PDB file of N, CA and C in Angstrom:
ATOM      1  N   UNK A   1      -4.319  13.742  40.513  1.00  0.00           N
ATOM      2  CA  UNK A   1      -3.293  14.102  40.942  1.00  0.00           C
ATOM      3  C   UNK A   1      -2.907  12.341  41.174  1.00  0.00           C
ATOM      4  N   UNK A   2      -1.246  12.072  40.685  1.00  0.00           N
ATOM      5  CA  UNK A   2      -0.972  11.165  40.448  1.00  0.00           C
ATOM      6  C   UNK A   2      -0.328  10.431  41.711  1.00  0.00           C
ATOM      7  N   UNK A   3      -0.267   9.695  42.187  1.00  0.00           N
ATOM      8  CA  UNK A   3       0.353   9.068  43.597  1.00  0.00           C
ATOM      9  C   UNK A   3       2.125   8.908  43.308  1.00  0.00           C
ATOM     10  N   UNK A   4       2.665   9.394  44.090  1.00  0.00           N
ATOM     11  CA  UNK A   4       4.054   9.069  43.981  1.00  0.00           C
ATOM     12  C   UNK A   4       4.754   7.423  43.973  1.00  0.00           C
ATOM     13  N   UNK A   5       5.437   6.629  42.880  1.00  0.00           N
ATOM     14  CA  UNK A   5       6.044   5.627  43.289  1.00  0.00           C
ATOM     15  C   UNK A   5       6.614   5.190  44.345  1.00  0.00           C
ATOM     16  N   UNK A   6       6.199   4.392  45.083  1.00  0.00           N
ATOM     17  CA  UNK A   6       6.877   3.675  46.475  1.00  0.00           C
ATOM     18  C   UNK A   6       8.509   3.688  46.252  1.00  0.00           C
ATOM     19  N   UNK A   7       9.419   4.073  47.229  1.00  0.00           N
ATOM     20  CA  UNK A   7      10.816   3.577  47.149  1.00  0.00           C
ATOM     21  C   UNK A   7      11.008   2.628  47.505  1.00  0.00           C
ATOM     22  N   UNK A   8      11.755   1.995  46.533  1.00  0.00           N
ATOM     23  CA  UNK A   8      12.461   0.086  46.831  1.00  0.00           C
ATOM     24  C   UNK A   8      13.988   0.368  47.196  1.00  0.00           C
ATOM     25  N   UNK A   9      14.200  -0.586  47.719  1.00  0.00           N
ATOM     26  CA  UNK A   9      15.645  -1.031  48.244  1.00  0.00           C
ATOM     27  C   UNK A   9      16.693  -0.823  46.875  1.00  0.00           C
ATOM     28  N   UNK A  10      16.331  -0.889  45.636  1.00  0.00           N
ATOM     29  CA  UNK A  10      17.417  -0.422  44.464  1.00  0.00           C
ATOM     30  C   UNK A  10      17.524   0.755  44.719  1.00  0.00           C
ATOM     31  N   UNK A  11      16.156   1.793  44.796  1.00  0.00           N
ATOM     32  CA  UNK A  11      16.479   2.733  44.747  1.00  0.00           C
ATOM     33  C   UNK A  11      16.982   3.495  45.740  1.00  0.00           C
ATOM     34  N   UNK A  12      17.321   2.880  46.759  1.00  0.00           N
ATOM     35  CA  UNK A  12      17.934   3.454  48.218  1.00  0.00           C
ATOM     36  C   UNK A  12      19.427   2.805  48.191  1.00  0.00           C
ATOM     37  N   UNK A  13      19.664   1.818  47.145  1.00  0.00           N
ATOM     38  CA  UNK A  13      21.019   1.410  47.209  1.00  0.00           C
ATOM     39  C   UNK A  13      21.608   2.188  46.079  1.00  0.00           C
ATOM     40  N   UNK A  14      21.246   2.488  44.894  1.00  0.00           N
ATOM     41  CA  UNK A  14      21.606   3.349  44.300  1.00  0.00           C
ATOM     42  C   UNK A  14      21.975   4.753  44.473  1.00  0.00           C
ATOM     43  N   UNK A  15      21.263   5.441  45.552  1.00  0.00           N
ATOM     44  CA  UNK A  15      21.440   6.449  45.991  1.00  0.00           C
ATOM     45  C   UNK A  15      22.524   6.678  46.875  1.00  0.00           C
ATOM     46  N   UNK A  16      22.835   5.763  47.799  1.00  0.00           N
ATOM     47  CA  UNK A  16      24.094   5.408  48.132  1.00  0.00           C
ATOM     48  C   UNK A  16      25.249   5.367  47.715  1.00  0.00           C
ATOM     49  N   UNK A  17      25.138   4.891  46.702  1.00  0.00           N
ATOM     50  CA  UNK A  17      26.218   4.648  46.004  1.00  0.00           C
ATOM     51  C   UNK A  17      26.553   6.176  44.686  1.00  0.00           C
ATOM     52  N   UNK A  18      25.821   6.825  44.865  1.00  0.00           N
ATOM     53  CA  UNK A  18      25.707   7.872  43.831  1.00  0.00           C
ATOM     54  C   UNK A  18      27.044   9.110  44.865  1.00  0.00           C
ATOM     55  N   UNK A  19      27.508   9.739  43.819  1.00  0.00           N
ATOM     56  CA  UNK A  19      28.983  10.363  44.296  1.00  0.00           C
ATOM     57  C   UNK A  19      28.364  11.614  44.704  1.00  0.00           C
ATOM     58  N   UNK A  20      28.942  11.663  45.906  1.00  0.00           N
ATOM     59  CA  UNK A  20      28.726  13.125  46.998  1.00  0.00           C
ATOM     60  C   UNK A  20      29.002  14.393  46.256  1.00  0.00           C
ATOM     61  N   UNK A  21      28.023  14.969  46.404  1.00  0.00           N
ATOM     62  CA  UNK A  21      27.963  16.753  45.393  1.00  0.00           C
ATOM     63  C   UNK A  21      28.778  17.547  46.505  1.00  0.00           C
ATOM     64  N   UNK A  22      28.131  17.384  47.633  1.00  0.00           N
ATOM     65  CA  UNK A  22      28.680  18.443  48.604  1.00  0.00           C
ATOM     66  C   UNK A  22      28.855  17.934  50.201  1.00  0.00           C
ATOM     67  N   UNK A  23      29.290  18.200  50.687  1.00  0.00           N
ATOM     68  CA  UNK A  23      29.991  17.722  52.236  1.00  0.00           C
ATOM     69  C   UNK A  23      30.153  19.104  53.541  1.00  0.00           C
ATOM     70  N   UNK A  24      29.405  18.510  54.469  1.00  0.00           N
ATOM     71  CA  UNK A  24      29.549  19.733  55.665  1.00  0.00           C
ATOM     72  C   UNK A  24      30.977  19.998  56.125  1.00  0.00           C
ATOM     73  N   UNK A  25      30.614  21.171  56.731  1.00  0.00           N
ATOM     74  CA  UNK A  25      31.894  21.901  57.058  1.00  0.00           C
ATOM     75  C   UNK A  25      32.858  20.340  57.960  1.00  0.00           C
ATOM     76  N   UNK A  26      32.093  19.875  58.995  1.00  0.00           N
ATOM     77  CA  UNK A  26      32.913  19.217  59.886  1.00  0.00           C
ATOM     78  C   UNK A  26      33.726  18.251  59.154  1.00  0.00           C
ATOM     79  N   UNK A  27      33.013  17.594  58.025  1.00  0.00           N
ATOM     80  CA  UNK A  27      33.168  16.292  57.149  1.00  0.00           C
ATOM     81  C   UNK A  27      34.318  16.546  56.317  1.00  0.00           C
ATOM     82  N   UNK A  28      34.472  18.125  56.051  1.00  0.00           N
ATOM     83  CA  UNK A  28      35.571  18.339  55.154  1.00  0.00           C
ATOM     84  C   UNK A  28      36.814  18.744  55.900  1.00  0.00           C
ATOM     85  N   UNK A  29      36.486  19.055  57.738  1.00  0.00           N
ATOM     86  CA  UNK A  29      37.506  19.001  58.383  1.00  0.00           C
ATOM     87  C   UNK A  29      38.483  17.762  58.215  1.00  0.00           C
ATOM     88  N   UNK A  30      37.168  16.466  58.677  1.00  0.00           N
ATOM     89  CA  UNK A  30      37.835  15.002  59.395  1.00  0.00           C
ATOM     90  C   UNK A  30      38.712  14.819  58.019  1.00  0.00           C
ATOM     91  N   UNK A  31      38.127  15.144  56.348  1.00  0.00           N
ATOM     92  CA  UNK A  31      38.711  14.265  55.548  1.00  0.00           C
ATOM     93  C   UNK A  31      40.196  15.163  54.985  1.00  0.00           C
ATOM     94  N   UNK A  32      40.055  16.310  55.411  1.00  0.00           N
ATOM     95  CA  UNK A  32      41.463  16.671  55.168  1.00  0.00           C
ATOM     96  C   UNK A  32      42.317  16.983  56.118  1.00  0.00           C
ATOM     97  N   UNK A  33      41.777  16.976  57.001  1.00  0.00           N
ATOM     98  CA  UNK A  33      42.923  17.221  58.378  1.00  0.00           C
ATOM     99  C   UNK A  33      43.035  18.454  58.679  1.00  0.00           C
ATOM    100  N   UNK A  34      42.441  19.108  58.241  1.00  0.00           N
ATOM    101  CA  UNK A  34      42.707  21.019  58.847  1.00  0.00           C
ATOM    102  C   UNK A  34      41.563  21.003  60.016  1.00  0.00           C
ATOM    103  N   UNK A  35      41.619  22.190  60.203  1.00  0.00           N
ATOM    104  CA  UNK A  35      41.083  23.649  61.154  1.00  0.00           C
ATOM    105  C   UNK A  35      39.678  23.452  60.422  1.00  0.00           C
ATOM    106  N   UNK A  36      38.800  24.185  61.110  1.00  0.00           N
ATOM    107  CA  UNK A  36      37.394  25.010  61.138  1.00  0.00           C
ATOM    108  C   UNK A  36      37.558  25.983  60.101  1.00  0.00           C
ATOM    109  N   UNK A  37      38.738  26.880  61.165  1.00  0.00           N
ATOM    110  CA  UNK A  37      39.161  27.767  60.416  1.00  0.00           C
ATOM    111  C   UNK A  37      39.629  28.214  58.978  1.00  0.00           C
ATOM    112  N   UNK A  38      40.225  27.092  58.799  1.00  0.00           N
ATOM    113  CA  UNK A  38      41.131  27.229  57.487  1.00  0.00           C
ATOM    114  C   UNK A  38      40.261  26.596  56.400  1.00  0.00           C
ATOM    115  N   UNK A  39      38.837  26.142  56.649  1.00  0.00           N
ATOM    116  CA  UNK A  39      38.330  25.884  55.944  1.00  0.00           C
ATOM    117  C   UNK A  39      37.407  26.735  55.651  1.00  0.00           C
ATOM    118  N   UNK A  40      36.694  27.717  56.545  1.00  0.00           N
ATOM    119  CA  UNK A  40      36.159  28.833  56.499  1.00  0.00           C
ATOM    120  C   UNK A  40      36.867  30.021  55.960  1.00  0.00           C
ATOM    121  N   UNK A  41      37.912  30.140  55.840  1.00  0.00           N
ATOM    122  CA  UNK A  41      39.322  31.120  55.101  1.00  0.00           C
ATOM    123  C   UNK A  41      38.979  30.943  53.760  1.00  0.00           C
ATOM    124  N   UNK A  42      39.169  29.314  53.606  1.00  0.00           N
ATOM    125  CA  UNK A  42      39.246  28.897  52.190  1.00  0.00           C
ATOM    126  C   UNK A  42      37.796  29.378  51.608  1.00  0.00           C
ATOM    127  N   UNK A  43      36.595  29.426  52.288  1.00  0.00           N
ATOM    128  CA  UNK A  43      35.700  29.704  51.221  1.00  0.00           C
ATOM    129  C   UNK A  43      35.709  31.307  51.281  1.00  0.00           C
ATOM    130  N   UNK A  44      36.115  31.731  52.460  1.00  0.00           N
ATOM    131  CA  UNK A  44      36.056  33.646  52.218  1.00  0.00           C
ATOM    132  C   UNK A  44      37.043  33.960  51.051  1.00  0.00           C
ATOM    133  N   UNK A  45      37.899  33.518  51.036  1.00  0.00           N
ATOM    134  CA  UNK A  45      38.944  33.410  49.667  1.00  0.00           C
ATOM    135  C   UNK A  45      38.485  33.266  48.611  1.00  0.00           C
ATOM    136  N   UNK A  46      37.550  32.367  48.560  1.00  0.00           N
ATOM    137  CA  UNK A  46      36.860  31.965  47.146  1.00  0.00           C
ATOM    138  C   UNK A  46      37.720  30.743  46.654  1.00  0.00           C
ATOM    139  N   UNK A  47      38.237  30.117  47.600  1.00  0.00           N
ATOM    140  CA  UNK A  47      38.706  28.847  46.968  1.00  0.00           C
ATOM    141  C   UNK A  47      37.821  27.586  47.306  1.00  0.00           C
ATOM    142  N   UNK A  48      37.070  27.628  48.080  1.00  0.00           N
ATOM    143  CA  UNK A  48      36.152  26.599  48.284  1.00  0.00           C
ATOM    144  C   UNK A  48      35.014  27.235  48.011  1.00  0.00           C
ATOM    145  N   UNK A  49      33.725  26.656  46.963  1.00  0.00           N
ATOM    146  CA  UNK A  49      32.323  27.094  46.919  1.00  0.00           C
ATOM    147  C   UNK A  49      31.586  26.827  47.914  1.00  0.00           C
ATOM    148  N   UNK A  50      30.408  27.445  48.409  1.00  0.00           N
ATOM    149  CA  UNK A  50      29.724  26.513  49.345  1.00  0.00           C
ATOM    150  C   UNK A  50      28.378  27.487  49.180  1.00  0.00           C
ATOM    151  N   UNK A  51      27.397  26.897  50.195  1.00  0.00           N
ATOM    152  CA  UNK A  51      26.057  27.262  50.492  1.00  0.00           C
ATOM    153  C   UNK A  51      25.430  27.058  51.589  1.00  0.00           C
ATOM    154  N   UNK A  52      24.583  27.756  52.123  1.00  0.00           N
ATOM    155  CA  UNK A  52      24.005  27.598  52.900  1.00  0.00           C
ATOM    156  C   UNK A  52      22.514  26.959  53.138  1.00  0.00           C
ATOM    157  N   UNK A  53      22.296  25.636  53.099  1.00  0.00           N
ATOM    158  CA  UNK A  53      21.128  24.870  52.806  1.00  0.00           C
ATOM    159  C   UNK A  53      19.970  24.901  54.339  1.00  0.00           C
ATOM    160  N   UNK A  54      19.148  25.428  54.882  1.00  0.00           N
ATOM    161  CA  UNK A  54      18.329  25.220  55.774  1.00  0.00           C
ATOM    162  C   UNK A  54      19.295  25.347  57.168  1.00  0.00           C
ATOM    163  N   UNK A  55      20.549  26.213  57.148  1.00  0.00           N
ATOM    164  CA  UNK A  55      21.090  26.499  58.028  1.00  0.00           C
ATOM    165  C   UNK A  55      22.468  25.941  58.188  1.00  0.00           C
ATOM    166  N   UNK A  56      22.682  24.716  57.394  1.00  0.00           N
ATOM    167  CA  UNK A  56      23.423  23.789  57.173  1.00  0.00           C
ATOM    168  C   UNK A  56      24.670  24.745  55.923  1.00  0.00           C
ATOM    169  N   UNK A  57      25.773  24.474  56.393  1.00  0.00           N
ATOM    170  CA  UNK A  57      26.976  25.117  55.583  1.00  0.00           C
ATOM    171  C   UNK A  57      27.429  23.906  54.561  1.00  0.00           C
ATOM    172  N   UNK A  58      27.266  24.130  53.355  1.00  0.00           N
ATOM    173  CA  UNK A  58      27.593  22.841  52.083  1.00  0.00           C
ATOM    174  C   UNK A  58      28.603  22.816  51.746  1.00  0.00           C
ATOM    175  N   UNK A  59      29.605  22.399  51.490  1.00  0.00           N
ATOM    176  CA  UNK A  59      30.693  22.658  50.603  1.00  0.00           C
ATOM    177  C   UNK A  59      30.846  21.685  49.418  1.00  0.00           C
ATOM    178  N   UNK A  60      31.115  22.461  48.325  1.00  0.00           N
ATOM    179  CA  UNK A  60      30.789  21.999  46.525  1.00  0.00           C
ATOM    180  C   UNK A  60      32.407  20.745  46.982  1.00  0.00           C
ATOM    181  N   UNK A  61      31.939  19.566  46.244  1.00  0.00           N
ATOM    182  CA  UNK A  61      32.942  18.586  46.442  1.00  0.00           C
ATOM    183  C   UNK A  61      33.898  18.813  45.519  1.00  0.00           C
ATOM    184  N   UNK A  62      33.435  19.257  44.129  1.00  0.00           N
ATOM    185  CA  UNK A  62      34.316  19.469  42.896  1.00  0.00           C
ATOM    186  C   UNK A  62      35.618  20.848  43.386  1.00  0.00           C
ATOM    187  N   UNK A  63      34.958  21.670  44.642  1.00  0.00           N
ATOM    188  CA  UNK A  63      36.085  22.909  45.026  1.00  0.00           C
ATOM    189  C   UNK A  63      36.762  22.339  46.256  1.00  0.00           C
ATOM    190  N   UNK A  64      36.588  21.399  46.623  1.00  0.00           N
ATOM    191  CA  UNK A  64      37.352  20.529  47.860  1.00  0.00           C
ATOM    192  C   UNK A  64      38.355  19.975  46.864  1.00  0.00           C
ATOM    193  N   UNK A  65      38.491  19.452  45.749  1.00  0.00           N
ATOM    194  CA  UNK A  65      39.127  18.722  44.743  1.00  0.00           C
ATOM    195  C   UNK A  65      40.165  19.840  44.238  1.00  0.00           C
ATOM    196  N   UNK A  66      39.726  20.718  44.090  1.00  0.00           N
ATOM    197  CA  UNK A  66      40.152  21.908  43.248  1.00  0.00           C
ATOM    198  C   UNK A  66      41.325  22.452  44.192  1.00  0.00           C
ATOM    199  N   UNK A  67      40.964  22.467  45.621  1.00  0.00           N
ATOM    200  CA  UNK A  67      41.366  23.201  46.741  1.00  0.00           C
ATOM    201  C   UNK A  67      42.455  22.449  47.286  1.00  0.00           C
ATOM    202  N   UNK A  68      41.915  21.141  47.309  1.00  0.00           N
ATOM    203  CA  UNK A  68      43.146  20.314  48.385  1.00  0.00           C
ATOM    204  C   UNK A  68      43.424  19.156  47.571  1.00  0.00           C
ATOM    205  N   UNK A  69      42.900  18.751  46.633  1.00  0.00           N
ATOM    206  CA  UNK A  69      43.528  17.793  45.676  1.00  0.00           C
ATOM    207  C   UNK A  69      42.837  16.373  46.125  1.00  0.00           C
ATOM    208  N   UNK A  70      41.914  16.263  46.627  1.00  0.00           N
ATOM    209  CA  UNK A  70      41.264  15.434  47.504  1.00  0.00           C
ATOM    210  C   UNK A  70      39.579  15.387  47.652  1.00  0.00           C
ATOM    211  N   UNK A  71      38.819  14.234  47.855  1.00  0.00           N
ATOM    212  CA  UNK A  71      37.937  13.975  48.548  1.00  0.00           C
ATOM    213  C   UNK A  71      37.032  12.910  48.352  1.00  0.00           C
ATOM    214  N   UNK A  72      36.677  12.532  49.698  1.00  0.00           N
ATOM    215  CA  UNK A  72      36.481  10.944  49.837  1.00  0.00           C
ATOM    216  C   UNK A  72      35.435  10.542  49.244  1.00  0.00           C
ATOM    217  N   UNK A  73      34.713   9.437  49.434  1.00  0.00           N
ATOM    218  CA  UNK A  73      33.658   8.517  48.905  1.00  0.00           C
ATOM    219  C   UNK A  73      33.477   9.008  47.523  1.00  0.00           C
TER     220      UNK A  73
END
């Protein structure tokens, strides 16, 4: 079995500069300036695409742009 390559500082920097694909609910609340209930309503209405990963609700960055017209980072 092949040993995985070591992670370099360049790999970390590249990962940090990559665009975000998803955000947690609390990040979207802060980014957009609306309440949690508004975010959950948008998920329920289908305006925001989300998934649950290991108990954490993640919201698709592209759907934030489509629903609210902005996403940071």
